[in-house]
């Protein structure tokens, strides 16, 4: 179960990271929507990429995975706050909410398993 949730969480970090780092139009539109300058928004992709790496390393060295997951949780809380400030609806917030639930599941399994 831990391996599965780790791989899902790593993918949940890696996919948006790749979109941000490659400058996908959808990500540029999101940055503009949130009023975040593109270079700063792109840095979120760097954090997401680092988180994905940390989660994968956590398969062998749990403290790194835990640290990465805590960072992801904080990043996602920031994303949800940003969505709220932009008056986004639940559907627009859904990816961040689902990723946060996945992150909390990872932390629960990692800390209790």
N, C-alpha and C. Protein backbone atom coordinates (compact mmCIF):
# COMPACT_ATOMS: atom_id res chain seq x y z
N UNK A 1 0.82 -1.19 0.00
CA UNK A 1 0.00 0.00 0.00
C UNK A 1 0.87 1.26 0.00
N UNK A 2 1.94 1.25 0.79
CA UNK A 2 2.81 2.43 0.87
C UNK A 2 3.46 2.74 -0.47
N UNK A 3 3.88 1.70 -1.17
CA UNK A 3 4.51 1.91 -2.48
C UNK A 3 3.50 2.52 -3.45
N UNK A 4 2.30 2.01 -3.45
CA UNK A 4 1.26 2.51 -4.36
C UNK A 4 0.95 3.98 -4.08
N UNK A 5 0.74 4.31 -2.82
CA UNK A 5 0.42 5.70 -2.48
C UNK A 5 1.60 6.62 -2.76
N UNK A 6 2.82 6.10 -2.58
CA UNK A 6 4.01 6.90 -2.88
C UNK A 6 4.09 7.22 -4.37
N UNK A 7 3.84 6.21 -5.19
CA UNK A 7 3.89 6.42 -6.64
C UNK A 7 2.79 7.36 -7.12
N UNK A 8 1.60 7.22 -6.53
CA UNK A 8 0.50 8.13 -6.90
C UNK A 8 0.82 9.57 -6.50
N UNK A 9 1.37 9.74 -5.30
CA UNK A 9 1.70 11.09 -4.85
C UNK A 9 2.84 11.69 -5.67
N UNK A 10 3.83 10.87 -6.00
CA UNK A 10 4.93 11.36 -6.84
C UNK A 10 4.39 11.81 -8.20
N UNK A 11 3.48 11.03 -8.77
CA UNK A 11 2.88 11.42 -10.05
C UNK A 11 2.05 12.69 -9.91
N UNK A 12 1.33 12.81 -8.78
CA UNK A 12 0.51 14.01 -8.55
C UNK A 12 1.38 15.26 -8.42
N UNK A 13 2.62 15.08 -8.05
CA UNK A 13 3.56 16.22 -7.98
C UNK A 13 4.25 16.43 -9.32
N UNK A 14 4.61 15.34 -9.96
CA UNK A 14 5.40 15.42 -11.19
C UNK A 14 4.62 15.99 -12.37
N UNK A 15 3.36 15.63 -12.51
CA UNK A 15 2.59 16.10 -13.67
C UNK A 15 2.43 17.62 -13.70
N UNK A 16 1.99 18.25 -12.61
CA UNK A 16 1.91 19.72 -12.67
C UNK A 16 3.29 20.38 -12.72
N UNK A 17 4.29 19.73 -12.13
CA UNK A 17 5.65 20.28 -12.19
C UNK A 17 6.11 20.35 -13.65
N UNK A 18 5.90 19.27 -14.37
CA UNK A 18 6.32 19.24 -15.78
C UNK A 18 5.58 20.30 -16.58
N UNK A 19 4.29 20.47 -16.32
CA UNK A 19 3.50 21.47 -17.06
C UNK A 19 4.01 22.88 -16.77
N UNK A 20 4.36 23.14 -15.51
CA UNK A 20 4.87 24.47 -15.16
C UNK A 20 6.27 24.69 -15.73
N UNK A 21 7.12 23.71 -15.58
CA UNK A 21 8.51 23.87 -16.01
C UNK A 21 8.66 23.95 -17.53
N UNK A 22 7.71 23.36 -18.26
CA UNK A 22 7.76 23.44 -19.72
C UNK A 22 6.95 24.62 -20.25
N UNK A 23 6.34 25.38 -19.35
CA UNK A 23 5.62 26.59 -19.76
C UNK A 23 4.35 26.34 -20.54
N UNK A 24 3.63 25.30 -20.17
CA UNK A 24 2.38 24.99 -20.87
C UNK A 24 1.40 26.16 -20.79
N UNK A 25 0.69 26.45 -21.87
CA UNK A 25 -0.25 27.58 -21.89
C UNK A 25 -1.26 27.55 -20.74
N UNK A 26 -1.73 26.36 -20.38
CA UNK A 26 -2.69 26.23 -19.28
C UNK A 26 -2.09 26.75 -17.98
N UNK A 27 -0.80 26.49 -17.76
CA UNK A 27 -0.14 26.95 -16.54
C UNK A 27 0.09 28.47 -16.57
N UNK A 28 0.41 28.98 -17.74
CA UNK A 28 0.57 30.44 -17.87
C UNK A 28 -0.76 31.14 -17.61
N UNK A 29 -1.84 30.53 -18.07
CA UNK A 29 -3.17 31.08 -17.83
C UNK A 29 -3.49 31.06 -16.34
N UNK A 30 -3.12 29.98 -15.66
CA UNK A 30 -3.35 29.88 -14.22
C UNK A 30 -2.57 30.96 -13.47
N UNK A 31 -1.33 31.14 -13.84
CA UNK A 31 -0.51 32.17 -13.19
C UNK A 31 -1.17 33.54 -13.33
N UNK A 32 -1.64 33.85 -14.53
CA UNK A 32 -2.31 35.14 -14.76
C UNK A 32 -3.60 35.23 -13.95
N UNK A 33 -4.34 34.14 -13.91
CA UNK A 33 -5.61 34.10 -13.15
C UNK A 33 -5.37 34.41 -11.67
N UNK A 34 -4.29 33.88 -11.12
CA UNK A 34 -3.99 34.08 -9.71
C UNK A 34 -3.21 35.37 -9.45
N UNK A 35 -2.82 36.05 -10.53
CA UNK A 35 -2.06 37.29 -10.37
C UNK A 35 -0.63 37.06 -9.89
N UNK A 36 -0.09 35.90 -10.25
CA UNK A 36 1.28 35.55 -9.86
C UNK A 36 2.17 35.71 -11.09
N UNK A 37 3.25 36.48 -11.00
CA UNK A 37 4.16 36.61 -12.15
C UNK A 37 4.66 35.23 -12.59
N UNK A 38 4.74 35.05 -13.90
CA UNK A 38 5.12 33.75 -14.45
C UNK A 38 6.42 33.19 -13.86
N UNK A 39 7.50 33.95 -13.77
CA UNK A 39 8.72 33.36 -13.21
C UNK A 39 8.53 32.83 -11.79
N UNK A 40 7.74 33.53 -10.98
CA UNK A 40 7.49 33.07 -9.62
C UNK A 40 6.59 31.83 -9.62
N UNK A 41 5.59 31.82 -10.49
CA UNK A 41 4.69 30.67 -10.58
C UNK A 41 5.47 29.43 -11.03
N UNK A 42 6.39 29.64 -11.93
CA UNK A 42 7.20 28.53 -12.44
C UNK A 42 8.03 27.90 -11.32
N UNK A 43 8.42 28.69 -10.33
CA UNK A 43 9.18 28.15 -9.19
C UNK A 43 8.37 27.13 -8.40
N UNK A 44 7.05 27.24 -8.45
CA UNK A 44 6.22 26.23 -7.80
C UNK A 44 6.49 24.88 -8.44
N UNK A 45 6.73 24.88 -9.75
CA UNK A 45 7.06 23.64 -10.46
C UNK A 45 8.36 23.03 -9.96
N UNK A 46 9.32 23.88 -9.60
CA UNK A 46 10.58 23.38 -9.04
C UNK A 46 10.31 22.69 -7.71
N UNK A 47 9.46 23.32 -6.87
CA UNK A 47 9.10 22.72 -5.58
C UNK A 47 8.36 21.41 -5.78
N UNK A 48 7.47 21.36 -6.76
CA UNK A 48 6.73 20.12 -7.04
C UNK A 48 7.67 19.02 -7.53
N UNK A 49 8.63 19.39 -8.36
CA UNK A 49 9.61 18.40 -8.84
C UNK A 49 10.45 17.87 -7.68
N UNK A 50 10.89 18.76 -6.81
CA UNK A 50 11.66 18.33 -5.64
C UNK A 50 10.82 17.43 -4.74
N UNK A 51 9.54 17.76 -4.60
CA UNK A 51 8.65 16.93 -3.78
C UNK A 51 8.51 15.53 -4.37
N UNK A 52 8.34 15.44 -5.68
CA UNK A 52 8.23 14.13 -6.33
C UNK A 52 9.49 13.31 -6.08
N UNK A 53 10.64 13.94 -6.22
CA UNK A 53 11.90 13.24 -5.96
C UNK A 53 11.98 12.79 -4.50
N UNK A 54 11.58 13.67 -3.58
CA UNK A 54 11.61 13.33 -2.16
C UNK A 54 10.69 12.18 -1.81
N UNK A 55 9.52 12.17 -2.40
CA UNK A 55 8.57 11.08 -2.16
C UNK A 55 9.16 9.76 -2.65
N UNK A 56 9.78 9.78 -3.83
CA UNK A 56 10.38 8.55 -4.36
C UNK A 56 11.57 8.10 -3.51
N UNK A 57 12.40 9.04 -3.08
CA UNK A 57 13.51 8.69 -2.20
C UNK A 57 12.96 8.12 -0.89
N UNK A 58 11.80 8.62 -0.47
CA UNK A 58 11.17 8.13 0.75
C UNK A 58 10.80 6.67 0.72
N UNK A 59 10.77 6.07 -0.45
CA UNK A 59 10.55 4.62 -0.52
C UNK A 59 11.69 3.86 0.15
N UNK A 60 12.88 4.45 0.14
CA UNK A 60 14.05 3.81 0.75
C UNK A 60 14.46 4.48 2.06
N UNK A 61 14.23 5.79 2.14
CA UNK A 61 14.65 6.54 3.32
C UNK A 61 13.45 7.37 3.77
N UNK A 62 12.68 6.81 4.67
CA UNK A 62 11.39 7.39 5.08
C UNK A 62 11.43 8.84 5.56
N UNK A 63 12.45 9.27 6.30
CA UNK A 63 12.44 10.67 6.73
C UNK A 63 12.40 11.67 5.56
N UNK A 64 13.04 11.34 4.46
CA UNK A 64 13.01 12.23 3.29
C UNK A 64 11.60 12.28 2.71
N UNK A 65 10.96 11.14 2.62
CA UNK A 65 9.59 11.09 2.12
C UNK A 65 8.63 11.85 3.00
N UNK A 66 8.81 11.72 4.31
CA UNK A 66 7.95 12.45 5.24
C UNK A 66 8.15 13.96 5.09
N UNK A 67 9.39 14.39 5.00
CA UNK A 67 9.67 15.82 4.83
C UNK A 67 9.07 16.33 3.53
N UNK A 68 9.21 15.56 2.46
CA UNK A 68 8.64 15.96 1.18
C UNK A 68 7.12 16.04 1.26
N UNK A 69 6.49 15.08 1.91
CA UNK A 69 5.03 15.08 2.03
C UNK A 69 4.53 16.26 2.86
N UNK A 70 5.24 16.60 3.91
CA UNK A 70 4.86 17.78 4.70
C UNK A 70 4.97 19.04 3.81
N UNK A 71 6.04 19.11 3.03
CA UNK A 71 6.19 20.24 2.11
C UNK A 71 5.07 20.29 1.09
N UNK A 72 4.68 19.14 0.57
CA UNK A 72 3.58 19.09 -0.40
C UNK A 72 2.28 19.55 0.26
N UNK A 73 2.04 19.10 1.49
CA UNK A 73 0.82 19.51 2.19
C UNK A 73 0.78 21.03 2.35
N UNK A 74 1.91 21.62 2.72
CA UNK A 74 1.96 23.07 2.87
C UNK A 74 1.76 23.77 1.52
N UNK A 75 2.37 23.25 0.49
CA UNK A 75 2.21 23.81 -0.86
C UNK A 75 0.74 23.75 -1.28
N UNK A 76 0.09 22.63 -1.02
CA UNK A 76 -1.30 22.47 -1.41
C UNK A 76 -2.24 23.34 -0.57
N UNK A 77 -1.93 23.52 0.68
CA UNK A 77 -2.73 24.45 1.49
C UNK A 77 -2.62 25.86 0.91
N UNK A 78 -1.42 26.23 0.50
CA UNK A 78 -1.24 27.52 -0.17
C UNK A 78 -2.03 27.61 -1.46
N UNK A 79 -2.06 26.51 -2.21
CA UNK A 79 -2.82 26.48 -3.46
C UNK A 79 -4.31 26.66 -3.20
N UNK A 80 -4.81 26.00 -2.17
CA UNK A 80 -6.23 26.10 -1.85
C UNK A 80 -6.57 27.52 -1.40
N UNK A 81 -5.72 28.11 -0.60
CA UNK A 81 -5.93 29.50 -0.18
C UNK A 81 -5.92 30.43 -1.40
N UNK A 82 -5.00 30.19 -2.31
CA UNK A 82 -4.92 31.01 -3.52
C UNK A 82 -6.18 30.85 -4.36
N UNK A 83 -6.68 29.62 -4.49
CA UNK A 83 -7.94 29.39 -5.21
C UNK A 83 -9.09 30.16 -4.55
N UNK A 84 -9.15 30.11 -3.22
CA UNK A 84 -10.21 30.82 -2.49
C UNK A 84 -10.14 32.33 -2.73
N UNK A 85 -8.91 32.87 -2.70
CA UNK A 85 -8.75 34.31 -2.92
C UNK A 85 -9.18 34.70 -4.33
N UNK A 86 -9.01 33.77 -5.26
CA UNK A 86 -9.41 34.04 -6.65
C UNK A 86 -10.89 33.74 -6.88
N UNK A 87 -11.60 33.38 -5.81
CA UNK A 87 -13.03 33.07 -5.87
C UNK A 87 -13.33 31.89 -6.80
N UNK A 88 -12.42 30.93 -6.84
CA UNK A 88 -12.64 29.73 -7.65
C UNK A 88 -13.67 28.84 -6.98
N UNK A 89 -14.39 28.08 -7.79
CA UNK A 89 -15.38 27.16 -7.25
C UNK A 89 -14.73 25.82 -6.89
N UNK A 90 -15.52 24.93 -6.33
CA UNK A 90 -15.01 23.63 -5.86
C UNK A 90 -14.41 22.81 -7.01
N UNK A 91 -15.01 22.90 -8.18
CA UNK A 91 -14.49 22.14 -9.32
C UNK A 91 -13.09 22.62 -9.69
N UNK A 92 -12.87 23.91 -9.63
CA UNK A 92 -11.54 24.45 -9.95
C UNK A 92 -10.52 24.12 -8.88
N UNK A 93 -10.99 23.94 -7.66
CA UNK A 93 -10.10 23.59 -6.54
C UNK A 93 -9.90 22.08 -6.41
N UNK A 94 -10.70 21.30 -7.10
CA UNK A 94 -10.70 19.85 -6.92
C UNK A 94 -9.32 19.20 -7.05
N UNK A 95 -8.51 19.54 -8.06
CA UNK A 95 -7.20 18.88 -8.14
C UNK A 95 -6.33 19.13 -6.89
N UNK A 96 -6.35 20.35 -6.38
CA UNK A 96 -5.56 20.64 -5.18
C UNK A 96 -6.13 19.92 -3.97
N UNK A 97 -7.45 19.86 -3.85
CA UNK A 97 -8.08 19.17 -2.73
C UNK A 97 -7.80 17.67 -2.77
N UNK A 98 -7.90 17.09 -3.96
CA UNK A 98 -7.62 15.65 -4.09
C UNK A 98 -6.15 15.35 -3.80
N UNK A 99 -5.27 16.19 -4.28
CA UNK A 99 -3.84 15.99 -4.01
C UNK A 99 -3.55 16.13 -2.52
N UNK A 100 -4.25 17.04 -1.85
CA UNK A 100 -4.07 17.18 -0.41
C UNK A 100 -4.55 15.93 0.32
N UNK A 101 -5.68 15.39 -0.09
CA UNK A 101 -6.18 14.14 0.51
C UNK A 101 -5.19 13.00 0.30
N UNK A 102 -4.62 12.92 -0.89
CA UNK A 102 -3.63 11.91 -1.19
C UNK A 102 -2.39 12.08 -0.31
N UNK A 103 -1.99 13.32 -0.12
CA UNK A 103 -0.84 13.62 0.72
C UNK A 103 -1.11 13.24 2.17
N UNK A 104 -2.29 13.54 2.65
CA UNK A 104 -2.66 13.17 4.02
C UNK A 104 -2.71 11.65 4.18
N UNK A 105 -3.19 10.95 3.15
CA UNK A 105 -3.19 9.49 3.19
C UNK A 105 -1.75 8.96 3.26
N UNK A 106 -0.87 9.55 2.46
CA UNK A 106 0.54 9.15 2.48
C UNK A 106 1.12 9.34 3.88
N UNK A 107 0.88 10.51 4.46
CA UNK A 107 1.42 10.79 5.79
C UNK A 107 0.85 9.84 6.84
N UNK A 108 -0.42 9.54 6.74
CA UNK A 108 -1.05 8.62 7.69
C UNK A 108 -0.43 7.23 7.59
N UNK A 109 -0.28 6.74 6.37
CA UNK A 109 0.32 5.41 6.18
C UNK A 109 1.78 5.41 6.61
N UNK A 110 2.52 6.45 6.26
CA UNK A 110 3.93 6.51 6.60
C UNK A 110 4.16 6.58 8.10
N UNK A 111 3.28 7.28 8.81
CA UNK A 111 3.46 7.46 10.25
C UNK A 111 2.89 6.32 11.08
N UNK A 112 1.94 5.57 10.53
CA UNK A 112 1.34 4.49 11.29
C UNK A 112 1.77 3.11 10.84
N UNK A 113 2.37 3.05 9.65
CA UNK A 113 2.73 1.73 9.10
C UNK A 113 4.06 1.36 9.41
